[in-house]
Protein backbone atom coordinates (compact mmCIF):
# COMPACT_ATOMS: atom_id res chain seq x y z
CA MET A 1 71.23 27.19 -86.95
CA ARG A 2 68.35 27.30 -85.41
CA GLY A 3 66.38 27.85 -88.28
CA GLY A 4 67.82 25.02 -89.97
CA ILE A 5 66.99 22.87 -87.03
CA ALA A 6 63.81 23.84 -86.72
CA GLY A 7 63.51 22.96 -90.84
CA SER A 8 64.88 19.86 -90.35
CA ALA A 9 62.51 18.51 -87.44
CA ALA A 10 59.97 19.78 -89.71
CA THR A 11 60.82 18.06 -92.50
CA SER A 12 61.43 14.74 -90.42
CA ALA A 13 57.65 15.42 -88.96
CA GLU A 14 56.01 16.18 -92.84
CA LYS A 15 57.81 12.94 -93.75
CA LEU A 16 55.92 10.67 -90.97
CA PRO A 17 53.17 8.61 -92.60
CA LYS A 18 49.87 8.78 -91.47
CA THR A 19 47.56 6.02 -90.48
CA GLY A 20 43.99 6.07 -90.21
CA GLY A 21 44.21 10.03 -90.85
CA SER A 22 45.62 10.32 -87.60
CA PRO A 23 49.28 11.46 -87.12
CA LEU A 24 51.65 9.15 -85.21
CA ARG A 25 53.24 10.01 -82.19
CA LEU A 26 56.72 11.08 -81.51
CA ARG A 27 58.85 8.57 -79.71
CA PRO A 28 60.35 9.93 -76.71
CA SER A 29 63.88 10.77 -77.38
CA SER A 30 66.49 9.56 -74.46
CA VAL A 31 66.09 12.74 -72.64
CA GLN A 32 62.92 12.43 -72.17
CA LYS A 33 62.97 8.74 -70.82
CA SER A 34 65.27 10.07 -68.43
CA THR A 35 63.52 12.89 -67.02
CA LEU A 36 60.45 10.64 -67.03
CA LEU A 37 62.41 7.34 -64.61
CA LEU A 38 63.88 10.13 -62.45
CA VAL A 39 60.07 11.09 -62.14
CA LEU A 40 58.82 7.68 -61.48
CA GLY A 41 61.61 6.78 -58.56
CA ILE A 42 61.13 9.65 -56.58
CA SER A 43 56.88 8.94 -56.59
CA SER A 44 57.66 5.35 -55.69
CA THR A 45 60.24 6.30 -53.26
CA VAL A 46 57.74 8.75 -51.79
CA ALA A 47 55.04 5.97 -51.42
CA ALA A 48 57.27 3.67 -50.15
CA GLY A 49 58.16 5.78 -47.65
CA LEU A 50 54.29 6.43 -46.25
CA GLY A 51 53.24 2.83 -46.74
CA LEU A 52 56.20 2.01 -44.20
CA GLY A 53 54.89 5.20 -41.93
CA ALA A 54 51.63 3.54 -41.77
CA TYR A 55 52.80 0.02 -40.87
CA ARG A 56 55.40 1.27 -38.51
CA TYR A 57 53.04 4.10 -36.78
CA GLY A 58 49.67 3.59 -37.82
CA PRO A 59 47.30 1.65 -35.61
CA ARG A 60 47.09 -2.29 -36.21
CA SER A 61 44.14 -3.39 -33.86
CA PRO A 62 40.44 -1.52 -33.21
CA VAL A 63 41.97 0.36 -30.57
CA VAL A 64 45.31 2.28 -30.82
CA GLU A 65 48.22 1.61 -28.54
CA GLY A 66 48.51 3.24 -25.54
CA LEU A 67 44.68 4.97 -25.46
CA PHE A 68 43.26 5.66 -22.36
CA LEU A 69 39.69 5.20 -22.15
CA GLY A 70 37.89 6.53 -18.74
CA GLU A 71 41.46 7.56 -17.11
CA GLN A 72 42.59 3.65 -17.83
CA ARG A 73 45.10 3.01 -19.98
CA VAL A 74 43.58 -0.22 -22.68
CA PRO A 75 46.01 -3.06 -21.91
CA ASP A 76 47.92 -3.98 -24.88
CA GLU A 77 47.30 -7.77 -24.79
CA GLY A 78 43.70 -9.38 -24.35
CA SER A 79 40.74 -8.27 -25.68
CA PRO A 80 39.75 -4.61 -25.17
CA ALA A 81 36.28 -5.50 -24.80
CA SER A 82 36.56 -8.10 -22.07
CA TRP A 83 38.41 -5.31 -20.24
CA LEU A 84 35.82 -2.77 -20.43
CA ALA A 85 33.46 -5.41 -19.37
CA ARG A 86 35.42 -5.88 -16.47
CA ARG A 87 35.44 -2.37 -15.32
CA GLN A 88 31.92 -2.04 -16.38
CA LEU A 89 31.20 -4.74 -13.04
CA ASP A 90 33.30 -2.10 -10.88
CA ALA A 91 31.58 0.52 -12.25
CA LEU A 92 27.87 0.00 -10.24
CA GLY A 93 29.50 0.14 -7.22
CA TRP A 94 30.63 3.46 -7.70
CA GLU A 95 29.59 6.42 -5.97
CA ALA A 96 27.33 8.49 -7.01
CA ARG A 97 25.99 11.72 -4.61
CA PHE A 98 22.36 13.98 -4.87
CA HIS A 99 21.86 17.07 -3.50
CA HIS A 100 19.97 19.68 -2.74
CA ASP A 101 19.98 22.42 -0.38
CA GLY A 102 22.42 21.37 1.85
CA GLU A 103 21.09 17.58 1.74
CA VAL A 104 22.63 14.84 0.44
CA VAL A 105 21.78 11.31 -0.50
CA GLU A 106 24.33 8.95 -1.35
CA THR A 107 23.90 5.71 -3.10
CA SER A 108 25.87 4.02 -6.08
CA LEU A 109 25.86 4.02 -9.83
CA GLY A 110 23.84 0.56 -10.14
CA ALA A 111 21.09 1.83 -7.35
CA ILE A 112 19.86 4.43 -9.96
CA GLY A 113 20.10 2.45 -12.91
CA VAL A 114 23.46 3.56 -14.34
CA GLU A 115 26.43 1.33 -16.05
CA ILE A 116 28.84 1.32 -18.96
CA ASP A 117 27.70 0.94 -21.85
CA VAL A 118 30.68 -1.28 -23.40
CA GLN A 119 29.48 -0.54 -26.96
CA ALA A 120 29.70 2.95 -27.16
CA SER A 121 32.50 3.48 -25.68
CA LEU A 122 34.44 1.21 -27.99
CA ASP A 123 33.13 2.60 -30.44
CA ARG A 124 34.13 6.01 -29.59
CA ALA A 125 37.51 4.58 -28.65
CA GLY A 126 37.71 2.83 -32.39
CA GLU A 127 37.39 6.17 -34.18
CA VAL A 128 40.70 7.76 -32.95
CA GLY A 129 43.90 6.61 -35.51
CA HIS A 130 40.93 5.19 -37.69
CA THR A 131 39.06 8.06 -39.56
CA GLY A 132 39.89 10.59 -41.47
CA SER A 133 43.26 11.21 -43.85
CA LEU A 134 46.28 9.14 -43.57
CA SER A 135 48.33 11.74 -41.84
CA ARG A 136 45.80 12.31 -39.33
CA ARG A 137 45.92 8.66 -38.36
CA VAL A 138 49.47 8.50 -38.29
CA LYS A 139 49.32 11.44 -36.08
CA GLU A 140 46.68 10.34 -33.59
CA ALA A 141 48.29 6.86 -33.36
CA SER A 142 51.69 8.55 -32.55
CA LEU A 143 49.84 10.97 -29.93
CA ALA A 144 47.93 7.80 -28.37
CA ARG A 145 51.83 5.73 -27.80
CA GLN A 146 52.76 8.78 -26.07
CA GLY A 147 50.17 8.65 -23.48
CA GLN A 148 48.60 12.11 -24.83
CA VAL A 149 45.48 10.86 -26.34
CA PHE A 150 41.81 10.91 -23.51
CA VAL A 151 38.50 9.10 -24.49
CA PRO A 152 35.05 9.65 -22.09
CA LEU A 153 33.83 6.47 -20.60
CA SER A 154 29.86 6.20 -22.10
CA PHE A 155 27.16 5.23 -19.79
CA TRP A 156 23.38 4.53 -20.14
CA ILE A 157 21.05 4.99 -18.06
CA ASP A 158 18.03 2.89 -17.23
CA GLU A 159 15.21 5.53 -16.88
CA PRO A 160 12.67 3.33 -15.10
CA LYS A 161 14.84 2.15 -12.31
CA ALA A 162 16.17 5.25 -12.27
CA ARG A 163 12.67 7.19 -11.85
CA ARG A 164 11.79 4.92 -9.17
CA PHE A 165 15.00 5.79 -7.49
CA LEU A 166 14.18 9.12 -7.59
CA GLU A 167 10.50 8.42 -6.63
CA SER A 168 12.35 6.78 -3.03
CA ILE A 169 13.71 9.65 -2.03
CA ALA A 170 11.47 12.57 -2.75
CA PRO A 171 9.80 12.33 0.43
CA ARG A 172 12.80 13.58 1.96
CA PHE A 173 12.35 16.69 0.38
CA VAL A 174 9.14 17.78 0.24
CA VAL A 175 8.02 20.57 2.64
CA ALA A 176 4.38 21.02 3.07
CA PRO A 177 2.86 24.43 2.53
CA VAL A 178 1.12 26.58 4.76
CA ASP A 179 -2.15 27.36 4.28
CA ALA A 180 -3.13 30.80 5.32
CA ALA A 181 -5.77 30.82 8.35
CA LEU A 182 -7.72 33.26 10.62
CA ASP A 183 -6.34 33.53 14.63
CA LEU A 184 -9.91 34.56 15.53
CA GLU A 185 -9.29 34.55 19.04
CA ASN A 186 -6.24 37.12 18.29
CA LYS A 187 -7.62 38.50 15.83
CA ARG A 188 -4.64 37.83 13.15
CA LYS A 189 -4.08 36.33 10.31
CA ILE A 190 -2.30 33.67 9.41
CA GLU A 191 -0.17 34.35 5.81
CA ASP A 192 0.12 31.19 3.32
CA VAL A 193 3.60 29.62 2.80
CA PRO A 194 4.29 27.99 -0.47
CA GLY A 195 5.98 24.44 -0.18
CA ARG A 196 8.30 21.96 -2.43
CA GLU A 197 8.36 19.06 -3.65
CA LEU A 198 11.18 16.76 -5.99
CA ASP A 199 10.99 17.96 -9.48
CA ILE A 200 11.32 14.02 -11.14
CA ASP A 201 11.41 14.76 -14.67
CA ALA A 202 14.14 17.90 -13.88
CA SER A 203 15.92 15.99 -12.23
CA LEU A 204 16.34 13.17 -14.25
CA ALA A 205 17.35 15.52 -17.40
CA GLU A 206 20.46 16.42 -14.53
CA MET A 207 21.20 12.19 -14.57
CA ARG A 208 21.66 12.84 -18.16
CA ALA A 209 23.81 15.83 -18.49
CA ALA A 210 26.19 14.45 -15.64
CA LYS A 211 29.37 12.94 -16.23
CA PHE A 212 29.69 10.10 -14.57
CA GLU A 213 32.56 8.63 -12.49
CA ASP A 214 33.48 7.41 -9.16
CA GLY A 215 31.60 9.92 -6.80
CA VAL A 216 29.37 11.75 -9.40
CA VAL A 217 27.63 14.67 -7.68
CA VAL A 218 24.13 15.53 -9.62
CA ARG A 219 21.95 18.23 -8.44
CA LEU A 220 18.35 17.49 -7.84
CA VAL A 221 15.38 19.84 -8.44
CA THR A 222 12.54 20.70 -6.94
CA ARG A 223 9.27 22.56 -7.47
CA ARG A 224 7.50 24.97 -5.86
CA VAL A 225 3.55 23.87 -4.35
CA PRO A 226 1.26 26.52 -3.64
CA ALA A 227 -0.76 26.85 -0.51
CA LYS A 228 -4.29 25.53 -1.17
CA VAL A 229 -5.79 28.61 0.91
CA THR A 230 -3.82 31.97 0.60
CA ALA A 231 -4.73 34.77 1.82
CA LEU A 232 -6.66 36.17 -1.11
CA ASP A 233 -9.26 33.51 0.05
CA LEU A 234 -9.50 35.01 3.42
CA ALA A 235 -10.45 38.30 2.21
CA ASN A 236 -13.31 36.49 1.03
CA VAL A 237 -14.46 34.39 3.83
CA ASP A 238 -17.64 36.55 5.45
CA VAL A 239 -16.78 35.67 9.75
CA THR A 240 -20.13 37.22 10.29
CA LYS A 241 -22.42 34.63 9.19
CA VAL A 242 -22.74 31.17 10.95
CA VAL A 243 -23.80 28.10 8.23
CA SER A 244 -24.22 25.62 11.30
CA SER A 245 -22.99 24.60 14.83
CA PHE A 246 -22.84 22.13 17.33
CA GLU A 247 -21.36 21.85 20.69
CA THR A 248 -20.51 19.42 23.48
CA SER A 249 -19.42 18.71 26.96
CA PHE A 250 -16.70 16.81 28.87
CA SER A 251 -15.53 17.13 32.67
CA LEU A 252 -12.33 19.09 34.11
CA PHE A 253 -11.62 16.42 36.85
CA GLY A 254 -10.51 13.01 37.34
CA SER A 255 -9.58 11.31 33.99
CA GLY A 256 -11.54 14.08 32.16
CA ALA A 257 -8.31 16.56 32.54
CA GLY A 258 -6.61 14.66 30.73
CA ARG A 259 -9.07 14.51 27.62
CA ALA A 260 -10.13 18.55 28.42
CA VAL A 261 -6.38 19.13 27.36
CA ASN A 262 -6.62 16.74 24.01
CA ILE A 263 -9.66 18.48 23.22
CA ARG A 264 -8.30 22.01 23.05
CA ASN A 265 -5.17 21.16 21.41
CA ALA A 266 -6.47 19.65 18.54
CA ALA A 267 -9.09 22.48 18.54
CA SER A 268 -6.40 24.54 18.26
CA LYS A 269 -5.20 23.27 15.02
CA ILE A 270 -8.20 22.90 13.17
CA ASP A 271 -9.27 26.42 14.01
CA GLY A 272 -9.37 29.49 11.57
CA VAL A 273 -8.99 26.47 8.69
CA VAL A 274 -10.74 28.21 4.91
CA LEU A 275 -12.00 25.71 2.72
CA PRO A 276 -12.49 26.98 -0.48
CA PRO A 277 -15.69 25.86 -2.77
CA GLY A 278 -14.68 22.31 -3.35
CA ALA A 279 -11.57 21.99 -1.15
CA MET A 280 -11.25 19.33 0.96
CA ILE A 281 -9.74 19.27 4.90
CA SER A 282 -8.34 16.07 6.12
CA PHE A 283 -8.72 15.84 10.40
CA ASN A 284 -5.16 13.98 10.58
CA ASP A 285 -4.03 15.84 8.61
CA ARG A 286 -4.43 18.85 10.15
CA VAL A 287 -4.02 17.64 13.86
CA GLY A 288 -1.17 15.67 12.92
CA PRO A 289 0.32 12.46 15.50
CA ARG A 290 -1.00 12.31 18.53
CA THR A 291 2.42 12.83 20.43
CA ARG A 292 3.78 14.44 23.48
CA GLU A 293 5.58 16.43 21.16
CA ASN A 294 2.33 18.24 19.25
CA GLY A 295 0.76 18.46 22.67
CA PHE A 296 -1.01 15.76 23.44
CA THR A 297 -0.64 14.11 26.89
CA LEU A 298 -2.29 10.64 28.51
CA ALA A 299 -6.33 10.02 29.03
CA PRO A 300 -8.60 7.42 28.37
CA GLU A 301 -9.42 5.80 24.74
CA ILE A 302 -10.74 2.90 23.70
CA GLN A 303 -8.51 -0.04 22.95
CA GLY A 304 -10.54 -3.23 21.73
CA ASP A 305 -13.70 -2.80 24.16
CA GLU A 306 -12.44 -1.34 27.32
CA LEU A 307 -11.15 1.74 28.08
CA THR A 308 -7.59 2.36 28.88
CA ASP A 309 -5.10 5.20 29.04
CA GLY A 310 -3.49 6.17 25.47
CA ILE A 311 -1.36 10.01 24.52
CA GLY A 312 -4.73 11.85 23.01
CA GLY A 313 -7.32 10.43 24.42
CA GLY A 314 -10.64 12.95 23.79
CA THR A 315 -9.60 13.82 20.06
CA CYS A 316 -12.60 11.36 19.02
CA GLN A 317 -14.54 14.21 20.86
CA LEU A 318 -13.20 16.87 18.53
CA SER A 319 -13.46 14.87 15.46
CA SER A 320 -17.58 13.97 16.10
CA THR A 321 -18.23 17.86 16.98
CA LEU A 322 -16.60 18.87 13.96
CA HIS A 323 -18.40 15.92 12.45
CA ALA A 324 -22.09 16.76 13.92
CA ALA A 325 -21.17 20.30 12.58
CA ALA A 326 -20.95 19.42 9.07
CA VAL A 327 -23.86 17.35 8.80
CA TYR A 328 -25.73 20.13 10.35
CA GLY A 329 -24.06 22.49 7.68
CA GLY A 330 -24.93 20.19 4.83
CA LEU A 331 -21.15 19.62 4.18
CA GLU A 332 -20.13 16.66 2.12
CA VAL A 333 -19.00 13.90 4.55
CA VAL A 334 -16.11 12.04 2.03
CA GLN A 335 -15.10 9.36 4.90
CA ARG A 336 -16.09 8.94 8.34
CA LYS A 337 -16.30 5.77 10.63
CA GLY A 338 -18.56 5.19 13.56
CA HIS A 339 -16.95 4.38 17.26
CA SER A 340 -16.85 0.88 18.33
CA ARG A 341 -19.32 1.80 21.00
CA ALA A 342 -21.53 4.55 21.56
CA SER A 343 -20.70 7.82 22.72
CA SER A 344 -22.50 10.08 25.50
CA TYR A 345 -21.62 13.22 24.42
CA THR A 346 -23.96 13.12 20.81
CA LYS A 347 -26.53 11.27 19.13
CA LEU A 348 -26.03 7.90 17.13
CA GLY A 349 -24.33 8.13 14.34
CA LEU A 350 -23.04 11.86 14.76
CA ASP A 351 -20.01 10.56 16.21
CA ALA A 352 -16.76 10.20 14.22
CA THR A 353 -13.64 8.40 15.53
CA VAL A 354 -9.91 9.22 14.22
CA SER A 355 -7.02 7.53 14.57
CA PHE A 356 -3.53 8.78 13.28
CA PRO A 357 -2.68 8.21 10.79
CA LEU A 358 -5.08 5.45 9.25
CA VAL A 359 -8.50 5.84 10.16
CA ASP A 360 -9.57 9.84 9.08
CA LEU A 361 -12.45 12.21 9.12
CA LYS A 362 -12.88 14.35 5.71
CA LEU A 363 -15.04 16.98 4.68
CA GLN A 364 -15.56 18.62 1.64
CA ASN A 365 -17.12 22.33 1.24
CA PRO A 366 -20.16 21.86 -1.30
CA TYR A 367 -20.82 25.62 -1.45
CA PRO A 368 -19.61 27.99 -3.82
CA PHE A 369 -18.27 30.66 -1.10
CA PRO A 370 -15.22 29.51 0.84
CA ILE A 371 -16.11 29.00 4.21
CA LEU A 372 -14.12 28.55 7.95
CA ILE A 373 -13.91 26.39 10.83
CA HIS A 374 -14.10 28.05 13.68
CA ALA A 375 -13.15 25.49 16.95
CA TYR A 376 -12.89 27.06 20.90
CA SER A 377 -14.69 26.61 24.35
CA PRO A 378 -17.22 28.91 25.14
CA GLU A 379 -16.90 27.61 28.57
CA PRO A 380 -14.28 25.59 30.38
CA THR A 381 -16.38 22.33 30.09
CA LYS A 382 -17.77 22.58 25.93
CA ILE A 383 -16.01 22.63 22.58
CA ARG A 384 -17.96 24.58 19.87
CA VAL A 385 -17.37 24.18 16.27
CA GLU A 386 -18.95 26.53 13.96
CA ILE A 387 -18.66 26.65 10.18
CA LEU A 388 -18.68 30.35 9.35
CA GLY A 389 -19.03 32.18 6.03
CA GLY A 390 -22.59 32.27 5.13
CA ALA A 391 -25.85 32.22 5.77
CA PRO A 392 -27.76 28.78 6.04
CA VAL A 393 -28.44 27.44 2.69
CA ALA A 394 -31.24 25.15 3.80
CA LYS A 395 -32.71 23.54 6.81
CA VAL A 396 -31.29 20.77 8.12
CA GLU A 397 -33.39 17.91 9.89
CA TYR A 398 -31.43 14.74 11.55
CA ALA A 399 -32.86 11.34 12.92
CA TYR A 400 -31.85 8.07 13.30
CA GLY A 401 -33.35 4.41 13.93
CA VAL A 402 -32.31 1.35 15.84
CA GLY A 403 -33.23 -1.73 13.75
CA GLN A 404 -31.50 -4.08 16.49
CA SER A 405 -29.48 -3.55 20.01
CA TYR A 406 -27.22 -6.24 21.99
CA ASP A 407 -27.03 -6.56 25.89
CA PHE A 408 -23.75 -6.67 27.31
CA VAL A 409 -21.71 -9.03 29.68
CA ARG A 410 -20.06 -8.46 33.11
CA ARG A 411 -16.23 -8.95 32.97
CA ILE A 412 -14.70 -9.62 35.80
CA THR A 413 -10.82 -9.41 36.27
CA VAL A 414 -8.28 -10.37 38.72
CA LYS A 415 -5.68 -7.74 39.84
CA GLU A 416 -3.02 -9.01 41.85
CA HIS A 417 -1.59 -6.42 43.27
CA PHE A 418 -5.53 -4.94 44.52
CA PRO A 419 -4.73 -5.43 48.39
CA PRO A 420 -7.92 -8.47 49.92
CA GLY A 421 -11.30 -6.94 49.88
CA LYS A 422 -10.45 -4.15 47.44
CA ARG A 423 -12.68 -3.68 43.66
CA VAL A 424 -12.97 -1.17 41.12
CA ARG A 425 -15.68 -0.83 38.60
CA ARG A 426 -13.40 -0.03 35.81
CA GLN A 427 -16.21 0.53 33.04
CA LYS A 428 -19.99 0.94 32.87
CA GLY A 429 -21.83 -1.54 30.27
CA VAL A 430 -23.17 -0.44 27.15
CA PRO A 431 -25.67 -2.02 24.98
CA GLY A 432 -24.84 -2.34 20.97
CA TYR A 433 -26.55 -0.84 18.46
CA ASP A 434 -26.91 -1.07 14.87
CA VAL A 435 -28.38 2.10 13.78
CA THR A 436 -29.30 3.58 10.52
CA SER A 437 -29.26 7.83 10.20
CA THR A 438 -31.24 9.87 7.79
CA LEU A 439 -29.96 13.67 6.88
CA ARG A 440 -32.83 15.33 4.94
CA ILE A 441 -31.86 19.23 3.49
CA SER A 442 -34.52 21.19 2.41
CA TYR A 443 -32.25 23.75 0.54
CA VAL A 444 -34.03 27.55 0.08
CA ASP A 445 -34.10 27.13 -3.88
CA GLY A 446 -36.75 24.16 -3.03
CA ARG A 447 -34.47 21.26 -3.58
CA VAL A 448 -34.52 18.40 -1.31
CA GLU A 449 -31.86 15.84 -0.51
CA GLU A 450 -31.53 12.85 1.51
CA ARG A 451 -29.05 11.26 3.03
CA ARG A 452 -28.44 7.88 4.90
CA TRP A 453 -25.60 6.13 6.73
CA TYR A 454 -24.88 2.95 9.05
CA SER A 455 -23.50 3.17 12.16
CA GLY A 456 -22.55 -0.33 14.13
CA TYR A 457 -21.95 0.17 17.63
CA ARG A 458 -20.35 -3.23 19.13
CA PRO A 459 -21.44 -3.81 23.05
CA SER A 460 -19.40 -2.98 25.90
CA PRO A 461 -18.91 -5.30 29.06
CA GLU A 462 -19.40 -4.26 32.35
CA VAL A 463 -16.00 -4.00 34.32
CA PHE A 464 -14.80 -4.80 37.70
CA TRP A 465 -10.93 -5.33 38.71
CA VAL A 466 -11.29 -7.48 42.21
CA ALA A 467 -8.51 -8.05 44.40
CA PRO A 468 -7.15 -11.68 44.38
CA GLY A 469 -10.34 -14.12 46.30
CA TYR A 470 -12.60 -11.75 46.52
CA ASP A 471 -16.02 -12.81 47.06
CA GLU A 472 -17.99 -12.13 43.77
CA ALA A 473 -21.23 -12.06 45.86
CA ASN A 474 -20.01 -9.44 47.19
CA LEU A 475 -20.76 -7.60 43.77
CA PRO A 476 -23.62 -5.34 42.84
CA PRO A 477 -26.31 -7.40 40.74
CA LEU A 478 -26.36 -7.45 37.53
CA PRO A 479 -27.36 -3.90 35.44
CA GLU A 480 -30.59 -3.96 33.22
CA ARG A 481 -29.06 -5.28 29.77
CA ALA A 482 -26.36 -7.21 31.56
CA LYS A 483 -27.06 -10.99 30.55
CA GLY A 484 -24.52 -12.11 32.55
CA VAL A 485 -20.79 -12.65 33.67
CA GLU A 486 -18.15 -13.31 30.86
CA GLY A 487 -17.23 -16.69 30.52
CA ARG A 488 -20.19 -18.31 32.12
CA LEU A 489 -22.60 -18.38 29.83
CA GLU A 490 -23.86 -20.68 27.06
CA GLU A 491 -24.23 -20.38 23.93
CA ASP A 492 -27.94 -20.34 24.26
CA GLU A 493 -27.94 -18.16 26.91
CA ILE A 494 -26.80 -14.42 24.53
CA PRO A 495 -30.07 -13.93 23.04
CA THR A 496 -30.50 -10.77 20.63
CA GLU A 497 -33.05 -8.65 21.43
CA THR A 498 -34.90 -6.96 18.33
CA ALA A 499 -35.42 -3.10 19.24
CA SER A 500 -37.83 -0.46 17.47
CA PHE A 501 -37.30 3.37 18.10
CA PRO A 502 -38.92 5.87 16.42
CA VAL A 503 -36.31 8.18 14.23
CA SER A 504 -37.44 10.86 16.77
CA GLN A 505 -36.42 9.37 19.73
CA PRO A 506 -33.30 8.37 21.03
CA ALA A 507 -31.88 5.26 22.06
CA PRO A 508 -30.87 4.49 25.67
CA GLU A 509 -28.21 6.51 26.95
CA PRO A 510 -25.06 4.75 26.54
CA ALA A 511 -21.65 5.39 28.60
CA PRO A 512 -19.20 8.00 28.61
CA ALA A 513 -16.62 7.00 26.07
CA PRO A 514 -13.84 9.27 24.05
C-alpha cells in the first residue's frame, strides 16, 4: 500500500506540466492549510496581547508614572519640567556645610554656585521605561508605578562662583608657619613649624564629587606650607661675624618708661630672625599688632603734628635702629617711610616709621650667605641691632644734605580743667627739613654703588597747654626758629627759609619723637 501510494504520488508529480523550465509548486493540501492557519492565529493573539500590555503598562509620557526624582514623586498632572524648575529655585536655599579639622562653615547651595540641572535631570528620568527591550520598558514602568524607581537629581556648578566662595573662606583655615630662629640670649634653637593653607583646586574637586542635597557636607582640603627658615638654615649662620650694627638710646623715666617697654618687646620679636640669601623680613609681620595682648603698653607717639599717648609708642625707635643697621650693612631696603618729624635718636634719613598693618619696613638679604638679626639691650637705656653671619663685604659711608628747612609755630591750647595760672609745655618745637640721603658702598671686590633717597620732615609746633584766662605775656619768649603764634600769622609772614648743610655736617638737633 505504502509503495502504491508513493507510486501514485510520484506518477502524479511526473504528469505535472512545466513552465519556463521550472516545475510548478504543489498547492497545499487541506491539512497543511489548517496547520498554517493555527500557527498564524496563535502568533496574532500573542502579538495582540503584547500590544495591549504595552498600551496598558508601558509609559505614555516623557516621565513614567510614579517615578521618584530626587526623593520626590513626579506629579501625574502638569509639566515635569515646570515642577522641576520650581524645585530648582527651592534648592538654592538648601544648606551646605564645609568642614576641616573640626571647623565648619555653613552656607547655601546658591551661595556656592550650585543648582539643579533641570534638563540633565529630566533626561535621566526619561531613560526609565523608554530604553532597552519592550519587556524591559514594561517592567521599569510597572516598578515605577509601585514606587520602586528612584532617580537622583543632576546638579551643575558655577565654578568661578564656587572658587570665589572658597577664596573668601580660605583665611579661616590659614596657619602661618613658624620660622626657625636662634635665641642667642638663652643659647637655644627655635625649631621651624610648617603651616597650612586651603587648597582651592582640591577643595573644588571635593565639591564636584559631592552628592548634593539639603545639608550636604563637603570636605575642605588644605596643603602644607613650609617655613621660610628651617633648622638647616640656622646651622649655616656664622654668628661670630658681624656684618654691621647700630645702636640708639632711650630714657627709663617719665614718658620714657612706657617707650622702653615697647622697644624691648618689639626687639624680642625680631631677635634671632634668620634671612637666607634673597629672603626678606617685614617688620610688621614679625612684630605683629601693637596691642596689650601682644605685650605693648601706653607711651607717647606721633599723631598728626603732636605727641599723644598710644599703645605701642616707641616701636618706631626699634624699626629705625634696624633700618640704620641694614643701611650700614648694605642690605636692600625694599620699603621704608620716614617719620613726619625728625627724630632725636638717629641721623636724619636713617629713621623708619612703622604703623601696623599699613606702614611697614621691609629689608632683603642681598648676600650669598644667610644672615641673622640680633636685637638686644647691651645697657638698660640702649637698644642695639646687629646683622650677623659674615664679615663686612664693603665699606659703607652715609651722609645727608638739607635742601630746605621750615620754621615752626607756637601753639597755645586752653585746658578747661587746669587750675588758674597753670601752664605746661607739652611739646618742643621742631623745624621741618627736606633731606636727601646718600649712601656710598665700596665693595671689597672693587665695585662701588651709590644709593639716594629723600625724606621730608614737616615742622612740629611748640605746644603750650594753659589754664582758662592765662596771661600769655607770662609765656617764655619765642624760641629760635619759631615764626610766631599759630592763628595769628599773615600769609606774608610765613617765610620759607632755604638752608644749605654740607653732607658731612648734621642739621640742628631735632626734638625727641617716637
